[in-house]
Amino acid sequence: MATSASVNSKAAALRRAAAVREDEFLLFVGSRVREFRSLRGMTRKVVAQEADVSERHLAQLESGEGNISIVLLRRIAGALNVSLAELFLPSPEESAEKLAIRRFLQKLPANRLEDVLSRLQRDFSAEEKTRRTRIALIGLRGAGKSTLGSRLAKDRDIPFIELDREIEKDTGMPLAEIFSLYGQSGYRAVEKRALERVLQQPGPAVVSVGGGVVSEKDTYDYLLSNCYTVWIKARPDEHMSRVIAQGDFRAMAGSDRAMEDLRRILEAREPLYRKADLVLDTSGTSVGESFSNLKAALQTHLL
């Protein structure tokens, strides 16, 4: 039968072992807090302010000396943008590349994350190889989409498709009449159907797409997901002079402030156009120079 002294000795040993485990746990949680703070590039002062705790409490926690309350720990987790569970889980082994990517994403504003996700899905999906065989040129009239697109298709010996012409084939009407009869929303619906039909055809192609496609999110997302997209851009005055040289006044008809309207359209659409995989500025260059620049850029980025 165990004596009271031996029972007390065992109890004391168990308490010491428990205390050691508690100390180890506090050290572990402190190291996790310190790790997350470092990953986010936050100073101890900033975390303390956002969590509404004192710097002294935070310093004690990170050193494993502070038995901080669960409420304060929850505030700190919130300031670090992690869950409580993540503070208690061991850190997985990550490569330097993954850590660099995480740090980069953590510094991005929330409104940029959608763009990053979209590009990652485009560039690393199983369909990426097929997507890169179809080159879509976007931008306002006068940038050079049709001229450069037809040259590129001929150079690569693949079909050149102008979506505007496909829309007219599908409806049996010129674009102006479609707008007149069905309005902007009706035209965009027809445009989307035509684009889906064109991109369901197998094989590579160069596709010239109307500049307003970017204003319809579903259609534009579909284009970005299924084509390697190039924004062909130019200065507003060059857009205007080229359109006038073509004898096409559809966008300017009845407007005494054509240039002002054109600048406004370009400014409003620029963030959308910049979602394209590639940007080619044709301002101040000849057709031959622009085509050479386009070929060189595609050879660099599509390898």
C-alpha atoms as a PDB file:
ATOM      1  CA  MET A   1       0.000   0.000   0.000  1.00  0.00           C
ATOM      2  CA  ALA A   2       1.347   3.390  -1.009  1.00  0.00           C
ATOM      3  CA  THR A   3       2.299   5.749   1.773  1.00  0.00           C
ATOM      4  CA  SER A   4       0.984   9.307   1.890  1.00  0.00           C
ATOM      5  CA  ALA A   5       4.521  10.546   1.220  1.00  0.00           C
ATOM      6  CA  SER A   6       4.790   8.552  -2.028  1.00  0.00           C
ATOM      7  CA  VAL A   7       1.321   9.711  -3.141  1.00  0.00           C
ATOM      8  CA  ASN A   8       2.271  13.313  -2.498  1.00  0.00           C
ATOM      9  CA  SER A   9       5.534  12.815  -4.378  1.00  0.00           C
ATOM     10  CA  LYS A  10       3.726  11.411  -7.410  1.00  0.00           C
ATOM     11  CA  ALA A  11       1.197  14.242  -7.314  1.00  0.00           C
ATOM     12  CA  ALA A  12       3.981  16.794  -7.159  1.00  0.00           C
ATOM     13  CA  ALA A  13       5.717  15.135 -10.126  1.00  0.00           C
ATOM     14  CA  LEU A  14       2.499  15.241 -12.140  1.00  0.00           C
ATOM     15  CA  ARG A  15       2.050  18.926 -11.312  1.00  0.00           C
ATOM     16  CA  ARG A  16       5.613  19.661 -12.398  1.00  0.00           C
ATOM     17  CA  ALA A  17       5.088  17.754 -15.656  1.00  0.00           C
ATOM     18  CA  ALA A  18       1.843  19.646 -16.271  1.00  0.00           C
ATOM     19  CA  ALA A  19       3.581  22.941 -15.570  1.00  0.00           C
ATOM     20  CA  VAL A  20       6.313  22.055 -18.066  1.00  0.00           C
ATOM     21  CA  ARG A  21       3.699  21.219 -20.698  1.00  0.00           C
ATOM     22  CA  GLU A  22       1.900  24.492 -19.998  1.00  0.00           C
ATOM     23  CA  ASP A  23       5.149  26.433 -20.315  1.00  0.00           C
ATOM     24  CA  GLU A  24       5.889  24.669 -23.606  1.00  0.00           C
ATOM     25  CA  PHE A  25       2.382  25.460 -24.857  1.00  0.00           C
ATOM     26  CA  LEU A  26       2.747  29.139 -23.949  1.00  0.00           C
ATOM     27  CA  LEU A  27       6.099  29.272 -25.716  1.00  0.00           C
ATOM     28  CA  PHE A  28       4.555  27.612 -28.773  1.00  0.00           C
ATOM     29  CA  VAL A  29       1.581  30.021 -28.940  1.00  0.00           C
ATOM     30  CA  GLY A  30       3.923  32.957 -28.458  1.00  0.00           C
ATOM     31  CA  SER A  31       6.127  31.782 -31.305  1.00  0.00           C
ATOM     32  CA  ARG A  32       3.061  31.389 -33.565  1.00  0.00           C
ATOM     33  CA  VAL A  33       1.918  34.937 -32.788  1.00  0.00           C
ATOM     34  CA  ARG A  34       5.407  36.221 -33.484  1.00  0.00           C
ATOM     35  CA  GLU A  35       5.537  34.204 -36.734  1.00  0.00           C
ATOM     36  CA  PHE A  36       2.227  35.568 -38.046  1.00  0.00           C
ATOM     37  CA  ARG A  37       3.169  39.100 -37.068  1.00  0.00           C
ATOM     38  CA  SER A  38       6.431  38.747 -38.975  1.00  0.00           C
ATOM     39  CA  LEU A  39       4.701  37.306 -42.039  1.00  0.00           C
ATOM     40  CA  ARG A  40       2.374  40.298 -42.165  1.00  0.00           C
ATOM     41  CA  GLY A  41       5.166  42.781 -41.648  1.00  0.00           C
ATOM     42  CA  MET A  42       3.436  44.272 -38.589  1.00  0.00           C
ATOM     43  CA  THR A  43       5.231  45.830 -35.651  1.00  0.00           C
ATOM     44  CA  ARG A  44       4.325  44.822 -32.119  1.00  0.00           C
ATOM     45  CA  LYS A  45       2.949  48.324 -31.556  1.00  0.00           C
ATOM     46  CA  VAL A  46       0.599  48.093 -34.556  1.00  0.00           C
ATOM     47  CA  VAL A  47      -0.744  44.679 -33.517  1.00  0.00           C
ATOM     48  CA  ALA A  48      -1.257  45.877 -29.955  1.00  0.00           C
ATOM     49  CA  GLN A  49      -3.181  48.936 -31.150  1.00  0.00           C
ATOM     50  CA  GLU A  50      -5.401  46.963 -33.538  1.00  0.00           C
ATOM     51  CA  ALA A  51      -6.088  44.279 -30.926  1.00  0.00           C
ATOM     52  CA  ASP A  52      -6.631  46.862 -28.164  1.00  0.00           C
ATOM     53  CA  VAL A  53      -4.107  45.198 -25.840  1.00  0.00           C
ATOM     54  CA  SER A  54      -1.023  46.638 -24.243  1.00  0.00           C
ATOM     55  CA  GLU A  55       2.369  46.154 -25.847  1.00  0.00           C
ATOM     56  CA  ARG A  56       3.531  44.682 -22.543  1.00  0.00           C
ATOM     57  CA  HIS A  57       0.877  41.955 -22.709  1.00  0.00           C
ATOM     58  CA  LEU A  58       1.791  41.203 -26.328  1.00  0.00           C
ATOM     59  CA  ALA A  59       5.514  41.100 -25.511  1.00  0.00           C
ATOM     60  CA  GLN A  60       4.863  38.697 -22.623  1.00  0.00           C
ATOM     61  CA  LEU A  61       2.718  36.496 -24.878  1.00  0.00           C
ATOM     62  CA  GLU A  62       5.375  36.329 -27.605  1.00  0.00           C
ATOM     63  CA  SER A  63       8.080  35.455 -25.089  1.00  0.00           C
ATOM     64  CA  GLY A  64       5.959  32.672 -23.564  1.00  0.00           C
ATOM     65  CA  GLU A  65       5.764  34.397 -20.209  1.00  0.00           C
ATOM     66  CA  GLY A  66       2.221  35.677 -20.305  1.00  0.00           C
ATOM     67  CA  ASN A  67      -0.824  33.515 -19.555  1.00  0.00           C
ATOM     68  CA  ILE A  68      -3.071  35.812 -21.592  1.00  0.00           C
ATOM     69  CA  SER A  69      -6.851  35.465 -21.509  1.00  0.00           C
ATOM     70  CA  ILE A  70      -8.681  33.795 -24.390  1.00  0.00           C
ATOM     71  CA  VAL A  71     -10.550  37.043 -25.112  1.00  0.00           C
ATOM     72  CA  LEU A  72      -7.343  39.024 -25.568  1.00  0.00           C
ATOM     73  CA  LEU A  73      -5.853  36.201 -27.608  1.00  0.00           C
ATOM     74  CA  ARG A  74      -8.912  36.302 -29.865  1.00  0.00           C
ATOM     75  CA  ARG A  75      -8.384  40.040 -30.394  1.00  0.00           C
ATOM     76  CA  ILE A  76      -4.755  39.471 -31.312  1.00  0.00           C
ATOM     77  CA  ALA A  77      -5.735  36.718 -33.758  1.00  0.00           C
ATOM     78  CA  GLY A  78      -8.207  39.142 -35.339  1.00  0.00           C
ATOM     79  CA  ALA A  79      -5.539  41.820 -35.696  1.00  0.00           C
ATOM     80  CA  LEU A  80      -3.295  39.269 -37.412  1.00  0.00           C
ATOM     81  CA  ASN A  81      -6.183  38.135 -39.644  1.00  0.00           C
ATOM     82  CA  VAL A  82      -5.936  34.496 -38.544  1.00  0.00           C
ATOM     83  CA  SER A  83      -8.259  32.197 -36.640  1.00  0.00           C
ATOM     84  CA  LEU A  84      -7.661  31.076 -33.072  1.00  0.00           C
ATOM     85  CA  ALA A  85      -7.234  27.538 -34.388  1.00  0.00           C
ATOM     86  CA  GLU A  86      -4.308  28.646 -36.572  1.00  0.00           C
ATOM     87  CA  LEU A  87      -2.483  29.959 -33.507  1.00  0.00           C
ATOM     88  CA  PHE A  88      -2.718  26.522 -31.908  1.00  0.00           C
ATOM     89  CA  LEU A  89      -1.701  24.476 -34.952  1.00  0.00           C
ATOM     90  CA  PRO A  90       1.926  23.689 -35.809  1.00  0.00           C
ATOM     91  CA  SER A  91       3.328  25.677 -38.712  1.00  0.00           C
ATOM     92  CA  PRO A  92       3.459  23.508 -41.853  1.00  0.00           C
ATOM     93  CA  GLU A  93       6.744  23.221 -43.651  1.00  0.00           C
ATOM     94  CA  GLU A  94       6.664  25.691 -46.532  1.00  0.00           C
ATOM     95  CA  SER A  95       9.151  26.430 -49.251  1.00  0.00           C
ATOM     96  CA  ALA A  96      10.715  29.854 -49.558  1.00  0.00           C
ATOM     97  CA  GLU A  97       8.655  30.380 -52.722  1.00  0.00           C
ATOM     98  CA  LYS A  98       5.360  29.689 -50.940  1.00  0.00           C
ATOM     99  CA  LEU A  99       6.293  31.997 -48.098  1.00  0.00           C
ATOM    100  CA  ALA A 100       7.175  34.751 -50.586  1.00  0.00           C
ATOM    101  CA  ILE A 101       3.826  34.296 -52.342  1.00  0.00           C
ATOM    102  CA  ARG A 102       1.973  34.464 -49.024  1.00  0.00           C
ATOM    103  CA  ARG A 103       3.754  37.657 -48.031  1.00  0.00           C
ATOM    104  CA  PHE A 104       2.987  39.188 -51.434  1.00  0.00           C
ATOM    105  CA  LEU A 105      -0.718  38.323 -51.196  1.00  0.00           C
ATOM    106  CA  GLN A 106      -0.957  39.616 -47.647  1.00  0.00           C
ATOM    107  CA  LYS A 107       0.267  43.030 -48.785  1.00  0.00           C
ATOM    108  CA  LEU A 108      -2.269  43.304 -51.603  1.00  0.00           C
ATOM    109  CA  PRO A 109      -5.473  45.276 -51.017  1.00  0.00           C
ATOM    110  CA  ALA A 110      -8.611  43.153 -50.988  1.00  0.00           C
ATOM    111  CA  ASN A 111      -9.881  44.615 -54.259  1.00  0.00           C
ATOM    112  CA  ARG A 112      -6.824  43.218 -56.113  1.00  0.00           C
ATOM    113  CA  LEU A 113      -7.208  39.624 -54.901  1.00  0.00           C
ATOM    114  CA  GLU A 114      -9.940  38.850 -57.447  1.00  0.00           C
ATOM    115  CA  ASP A 115      -7.584  39.833 -60.263  1.00  0.00           C
ATOM    116  CA  VAL A 116      -4.822  37.640 -58.830  1.00  0.00           C
ATOM    117  CA  LEU A 117      -7.169  34.659 -58.502  1.00  0.00           C
ATOM    118  CA  SER A 118      -8.406  35.157 -62.060  1.00  0.00           C
ATOM    119  CA  ARG A 119      -4.868  35.241 -63.464  1.00  0.00           C
ATOM    120  CA  LEU A 120      -3.777  32.198 -61.448  1.00  0.00           C
ATOM    121  CA  GLN A 121      -6.750  30.219 -62.718  1.00  0.00           C
ATOM    122  CA  ARG A 122      -6.031  31.314 -66.274  1.00  0.00           C
ATOM    123  CA  ASP A 123      -2.289  30.717 -66.223  1.00  0.00           C
ATOM    124  CA  PHE A 124      -2.181  27.420 -64.338  1.00  0.00           C
ATOM    125  CA  SER A 125      -5.431  25.666 -65.230  1.00  0.00           C
ATOM    126  CA  ALA A 126      -5.526  22.479 -67.317  1.00  0.00           C
ATOM    127  CA  GLU A 127      -7.062  24.470 -70.182  1.00  0.00           C
ATOM    128  CA  GLU A 128      -4.220  26.989 -70.274  1.00  0.00           C
ATOM    129  CA  LYS A 129      -2.471  25.373 -73.248  1.00  0.00           C
ATOM    130  CA  THR A 130      -5.635  25.647 -75.348  1.00  0.00           C
ATOM    131  CA  ARG A 131      -6.291  29.209 -74.188  1.00  0.00           C
ATOM    132  CA  ARG A 132      -2.878  30.351 -75.386  1.00  0.00           C
ATOM    133  CA  THR A 133      -3.560  29.144 -78.924  1.00  0.00           C
ATOM    134  CA  ARG A 134      -6.402  31.669 -79.264  1.00  0.00           C
ATOM    135  CA  ILE A 135      -5.316  35.297 -79.284  1.00  0.00           C
ATOM    136  CA  ALA A 136      -7.990  37.940 -78.737  1.00  0.00           C
ATOM    137  CA  LEU A 137      -7.330  41.604 -79.488  1.00  0.00           C
ATOM    138  CA  ILE A 138      -9.377  44.137 -77.545  1.00  0.00           C
ATOM    139  CA  GLY A 139      -9.484  47.932 -77.448  1.00  0.00           C
ATOM    140  CA  LEU A 140     -11.343  50.866 -78.974  1.00  0.00           C
ATOM    141  CA  ARG A 141     -11.736  51.362 -82.709  1.00  0.00           C
ATOM    142  CA  GLY A 142      -8.707  52.958 -84.270  1.00  0.00           C
ATOM    143  CA  ALA A 143      -6.175  51.109 -82.108  1.00  0.00           C
ATOM    144  CA  GLY A 144      -5.298  48.716 -84.936  1.00  0.00           C
ATOM    145  CA  LYS A 145      -7.066  45.480 -83.946  1.00  0.00           C
ATOM    146  CA  SER A 146      -8.283  44.497 -87.399  1.00  0.00           C
ATOM    147  CA  THR A 147      -5.079  45.431 -89.221  1.00  0.00           C
ATOM    148  CA  LEU A 148      -2.771  43.746 -86.731  1.00  0.00           C
ATOM    149  CA  GLY A 149      -5.115  40.812 -86.204  1.00  0.00           C
ATOM    150  CA  SER A 150      -5.339  39.934 -89.889  1.00  0.00           C
ATOM    151  CA  ARG A 151      -1.543  40.199 -90.256  1.00  0.00           C
ATOM    152  CA  LEU A 152      -0.952  38.039 -87.206  1.00  0.00           C
ATOM    153  CA  ALA A 153      -3.387  35.374 -88.392  1.00  0.00           C
ATOM    154  CA  LYS A 154      -1.765  35.288 -91.837  1.00  0.00           C
ATOM    155  CA  ASP A 155       1.705  35.092 -90.283  1.00  0.00           C
ATOM    156  CA  ARG A 156       0.642  32.149 -88.111  1.00  0.00           C
ATOM    157  CA  ASP A 157      -1.510  30.572 -90.833  1.00  0.00           C
ATOM    158  CA  ILE A 158      -4.579  30.444 -88.615  1.00  0.00           C
ATOM    159  CA  PRO A 159      -8.112  31.901 -89.015  1.00  0.00           C
ATOM    160  CA  PHE A 160      -8.784  35.572 -88.335  1.00  0.00           C
ATOM    161  CA  ILE A 161     -12.210  36.215 -86.854  1.00  0.00           C
ATOM    162  CA  GLU A 162     -13.799  39.639 -86.398  1.00  0.00           C
ATOM    163  CA  LEU A 163     -16.535  39.250 -83.806  1.00  0.00           C
ATOM    164  CA  ASP A 164     -18.496  42.211 -85.213  1.00  0.00           C
ATOM    165  CA  ARG A 165     -18.784  40.408 -88.560  1.00  0.00           C
ATOM    166  CA  GLU A 166     -19.849  37.192 -86.785  1.00  0.00           C
ATOM    167  CA  ILE A 167     -22.581  39.114 -84.957  1.00  0.00           C
ATOM    168  CA  GLU A 168     -23.852  40.507 -88.254  1.00  0.00           C
ATOM    169  CA  LYS A 169     -23.853  36.995 -89.766  1.00  0.00           C
ATOM    170  CA  ASP A 170     -25.808  35.598 -86.806  1.00  0.00           C
ATOM    171  CA  THR A 171     -28.454  38.341 -86.894  1.00  0.00           C
ATOM    172  CA  GLY A 172     -28.501  39.209 -90.565  1.00  0.00           C
ATOM    173  CA  MET A 173     -28.320  42.879 -89.610  1.00  0.00           C
ATOM    174  CA  PRO A 174     -25.621  45.562 -89.437  1.00  0.00           C
ATOM    175  CA  LEU A 175     -24.438  46.527 -85.963  1.00  0.00           C
ATOM    176  CA  ALA A 176     -26.125  49.934 -86.049  1.00  0.00           C
ATOM    177  CA  GLU A 177     -29.488  48.305 -86.711  1.00  0.00           C
ATOM    178  CA  ILE A 178     -29.009  45.811 -83.867  1.00  0.00           C
ATOM    179  CA  PHE A 179     -28.342  48.704 -81.476  1.00  0.00           C
ATOM    180  CA  SER A 180     -31.351  50.595 -82.825  1.00  0.00           C
ATOM    181  CA  LEU A 181     -33.736  47.657 -82.439  1.00  0.00           C
ATOM    182  CA  TYR A 182     -32.502  45.984 -79.251  1.00  0.00           C
ATOM    183  CA  GLY A 183     -30.500  48.649 -77.423  1.00  0.00           C
ATOM    184  CA  GLN A 184     -27.247  48.207 -75.551  1.00  0.00           C
ATOM    185  CA  SER A 185     -28.383  45.267 -73.384  1.00  0.00           C
ATOM    186  CA  GLY A 186     -29.822  43.410 -76.366  1.00  0.00           C
ATOM    187  CA  TYR A 187     -26.636  43.885 -78.345  1.00  0.00           C
ATOM    188  CA  ARG A 188     -24.480  42.606 -75.461  1.00  0.00           C
ATOM    189  CA  ALA A 189     -26.582  39.441 -75.251  1.00  0.00           C
ATOM    190  CA  VAL A 190     -26.109  38.835 -78.992  1.00  0.00           C
ATOM    191  CA  GLU A 191     -22.388  39.556 -78.629  1.00  0.00           C
ATOM    192  CA  LYS A 192     -22.013  36.991 -75.860  1.00  0.00           C
ATOM    193  CA  ARG A 193     -23.755  34.265 -77.868  1.00  0.00           C
ATOM    194  CA  ALA A 194     -21.569  34.991 -80.894  1.00  0.00           C
ATOM    195  CA  LEU A 195     -18.391  34.899 -78.793  1.00  0.00           C
ATOM    196  CA  GLU A 196     -19.354  31.590 -77.189  1.00  0.00           C
ATOM    197  CA  ARG A 197     -20.065  30.075 -80.600  1.00  0.00           C
ATOM    198  CA  VAL A 198     -16.743  31.281 -82.008  1.00  0.00           C
ATOM    199  CA  LEU A 199     -14.698  30.019 -79.063  1.00  0.00           C
ATOM    200  CA  GLN A 200     -16.390  26.634 -79.048  1.00  0.00           C
ATOM    201  CA  GLN A 201     -14.823  25.945 -82.432  1.00  0.00           C
ATOM    202  CA  PRO A 202     -11.638  23.855 -82.139  1.00  0.00           C
ATOM    203  CA  GLY A 203      -8.215  25.010 -83.174  1.00  0.00           C
ATOM    204  CA  PRO A 204      -6.157  28.201 -82.852  1.00  0.00           C
ATOM    205  CA  ALA A 205      -7.378  31.579 -84.083  1.00  0.00           C
ATOM    206  CA  VAL A 206      -6.903  35.324 -83.822  1.00  0.00           C
ATOM    207  CA  VAL A 207     -10.074  37.097 -82.736  1.00  0.00           C
ATOM    208  CA  SER A 208     -10.784  40.840 -82.906  1.00  0.00           C
ATOM    209  CA  VAL A 209     -13.375  41.833 -80.316  1.00  0.00           C
ATOM    210  CA  GLY A 210     -15.338  45.081 -79.962  1.00  0.00           C
ATOM    211  CA  GLY A 211     -14.015  47.567 -77.427  1.00  0.00           C
ATOM    212  CA  GLY A 212     -17.183  47.541 -75.336  1.00  0.00           C
ATOM    213  CA  VAL A 213     -16.929  43.859 -74.429  1.00  0.00           C
ATOM    214  CA  VAL A 214     -15.127  44.828 -71.205  1.00  0.00           C
ATOM    215  CA  SER A 215     -18.273  46.526 -69.886  1.00  0.00           C
ATOM    216  CA  GLU A 216     -20.126  43.214 -69.697  1.00  0.00           C
ATOM    217  CA  LYS A 217     -18.452  41.286 -66.866  1.00  0.00           C
ATOM    218  CA  ASP A 218     -19.659  37.762 -67.701  1.00  0.00           C
ATOM    219  CA  THR A 219     -18.717  38.092 -71.376  1.00  0.00           C
ATOM    220  CA  TYR A 220     -15.337  39.632 -70.584  1.00  0.00           C
ATOM    221  CA  ASP A 221     -14.541  36.985 -67.966  1.00  0.00           C
ATOM    222  CA  TYR A 222     -15.422  34.316 -70.533  1.00  0.00           C
ATOM    223  CA  LEU A 223     -13.078  35.928 -73.055  1.00  0.00           C
ATOM    224  CA  LEU A 224     -10.225  36.212 -70.537  1.00  0.00           C
ATOM    225  CA  SER A 225     -10.660  32.578 -69.513  1.00  0.00           C
ATOM    226  CA  ASN A 226     -10.668  31.245 -73.062  1.00  0.00           C
ATOM    227  CA  CYS A 227      -8.242  33.492 -74.952  1.00  0.00           C
ATOM    228  CA  TYR A 228      -4.804  34.992 -74.519  1.00  0.00           C
ATOM    229  CA  THR A 229      -5.941  38.603 -74.540  1.00  0.00           C
ATOM    230  CA  VAL A 230      -4.022  41.609 -75.860  1.00  0.00           C
ATOM    231  CA  TRP A 231      -5.116  45.195 -75.273  1.00  0.00           C
ATOM    232  CA  ILE A 232      -4.245  47.218 -78.378  1.00  0.00           C
ATOM    233  CA  LYS A 233      -4.138  50.820 -77.199  1.00  0.00           C
ATOM    234  CA  ALA A 234      -3.300  54.237 -78.604  1.00  0.00           C
ATOM    235  CA  ARG A 235      -3.505  57.878 -77.590  1.00  0.00           C
ATOM    236  CA  PRO A 236      -7.008  59.402 -77.847  1.00  0.00           C
ATOM    237  CA  ASP A 237      -5.992  61.705 -80.707  1.00  0.00           C
ATOM    238  CA  GLU A 238      -4.658  58.733 -82.682  1.00  0.00           C
ATOM    239  CA  HIS A 239      -7.841  56.744 -82.070  1.00  0.00           C
ATOM    240  CA  MET A 240      -9.786  59.700 -83.427  1.00  0.00           C
ATOM    241  CA  SER A 241      -7.629  60.340 -86.486  1.00  0.00           C
ATOM    242  CA  ARG A 242      -7.598  56.668 -87.478  1.00  0.00           C
ATOM    243  CA  VAL A 243     -11.365  56.314 -87.168  1.00  0.00           C
ATOM    244  CA  ILE A 244     -11.885  59.468 -89.228  1.00  0.00           C
ATOM    245  CA  ALA A 245      -9.443  58.167 -91.843  1.00  0.00           C
ATOM    246  CA  GLN A 246     -11.567  55.010 -92.074  1.00  0.00           C
ATOM    247  CA  GLY A 247     -14.664  57.147 -92.622  1.00  0.00           C
ATOM    248  CA  ASP A 248     -16.317  55.640 -89.547  1.00  0.00           C
ATOM    249  CA  PHE A 249     -18.145  58.182 -87.381  1.00  0.00           C
ATOM    250  CA  ARG A 250     -20.469  55.862 -85.452  1.00  0.00           C
ATOM    251  CA  ALA A 251     -19.033  56.677 -82.022  1.00  0.00           C
ATOM    252  CA  MET A 252     -18.787  60.412 -82.735  1.00  0.00           C
ATOM    253  CA  ALA A 253     -22.011  61.080 -84.611  1.00  0.00           C
ATOM    254  CA  GLY A 254     -23.932  64.080 -83.301  1.00  0.00           C
ATOM    255  CA  SER A 255     -21.314  64.930 -80.675  1.00  0.00           C
ATOM    256  CA  ASP A 256     -19.576  68.296 -80.499  1.00  0.00           C
ATOM    257  CA  ARG A 257     -17.310  66.948 -77.791  1.00  0.00           C
ATOM    258  CA  ALA A 258     -16.056  63.806 -79.488  1.00  0.00           C
ATOM    259  CA  MET A 259     -12.530  63.989 -78.118  1.00  0.00           C
ATOM    260  CA  GLU A 260     -13.729  64.655 -74.588  1.00  0.00           C
ATOM    261  CA  ASP A 261     -16.114  61.686 -74.838  1.00  0.00           C
ATOM    262  CA  LEU A 262     -13.347  59.477 -76.177  1.00  0.00           C
ATOM    263  CA  ARG A 263     -10.993  60.429 -73.333  1.00  0.00           C
ATOM    264  CA  ARG A 264     -13.723  59.723 -70.801  1.00  0.00           C
ATOM    265  CA  ILE A 265     -14.440  56.289 -72.289  1.00  0.00           C
ATOM    266  CA  LEU A 266     -10.760  55.368 -72.290  1.00  0.00           C
ATOM    267  CA  GLU A 267     -10.285  56.521 -68.714  1.00  0.00           C
ATOM    268  CA  ALA A 268     -13.324  54.579 -67.500  1.00  0.00           C
ATOM    269  CA  ARG A 269     -12.360  51.376 -69.287  1.00  0.00           C
ATOM    270  CA  GLU A 270      -8.615  51.404 -68.666  1.00  0.00           C
ATOM    271  CA  PRO A 271      -8.754  49.333 -65.428  1.00  0.00           C
ATOM    272  CA  LEU A 272     -10.776  46.716 -67.324  1.00  0.00           C
ATOM    273  CA  TYR A 273      -8.530  46.705 -70.377  1.00  0.00           C
ATOM    274  CA  ARG A 274      -5.520  46.213 -68.090  1.00  0.00           C
ATOM    275  CA  LYS A 275      -6.861  42.800 -67.096  1.00  0.00           C
ATOM    276  CA  ALA A 276      -5.605  41.598 -70.477  1.00  0.00           C
ATOM    277  CA  ASP A 277      -2.552  39.337 -70.548  1.00  0.00           C
ATOM    278  CA  LEU A 278      -0.594  41.790 -72.662  1.00  0.00           C
ATOM    279  CA  VAL A 279      -0.693  45.500 -73.528  1.00  0.00           C
ATOM    280  CA  LEU A 280       0.543  46.846 -76.870  1.00  0.00           C
ATOM    281  CA  ASP A 281       0.711  50.605 -77.377  1.00  0.00           C
ATOM    282  CA  THR A 282       0.539  51.523 -81.083  1.00  0.00           C
ATOM    283  CA  SER A 283       0.857  55.276 -80.502  1.00  0.00           C
ATOM    284  CA  GLY A 284       3.401  56.943 -82.756  1.00  0.00           C
ATOM    285  CA  THR A 285       4.339  53.747 -84.589  1.00  0.00           C
ATOM    286  CA  SER A 286       3.690  52.526 -88.106  1.00  0.00           C
ATOM    287  CA  VAL A 287       1.655  49.419 -88.820  1.00  0.00           C
ATOM    288  CA  GLY A 288       4.858  47.508 -89.603  1.00  0.00           C
ATOM    289  CA  GLU A 289       6.507  48.581 -86.353  1.00  0.00           C
ATOM    290  CA  SER A 290       3.411  47.764 -84.316  1.00  0.00           C
ATOM    291  CA  PHE A 291       3.176  44.325 -85.909  1.00  0.00           C
ATOM    292  CA  SER A 292       6.839  43.606 -85.183  1.00  0.00           C
ATOM    293  CA  ASN A 293       6.316  44.690 -81.572  1.00  0.00           C
ATOM    294  CA  LEU A 294       3.256  42.462 -81.286  1.00  0.00           C
ATOM    295  CA  LYS A 295       5.065  39.423 -82.675  1.00  0.00           C
ATOM    296  CA  ALA A 296       8.045  39.947 -80.389  1.00  0.00           C
ATOM    297  CA  ALA A 297       5.856  40.357 -77.310  1.00  0.00           C
ATOM    298  CA  LEU A 298       3.841  37.219 -78.090  1.00  0.00           C
ATOM    299  CA  GLN A 299       6.986  35.182 -78.719  1.00  0.00           C
ATOM    300  CA  THR A 300       8.310  36.279 -75.332  1.00  0.00           C
ATOM    301  CA  HIS A 301       5.137  35.688 -73.336  1.00  0.00           C
ATOM    302  CA  LEU A 302       3.680  32.642 -75.042  1.00  0.00           C
ATOM    303  CA  LEU A 303       6.830  30.497 -74.852  1.00  0.00           C
END
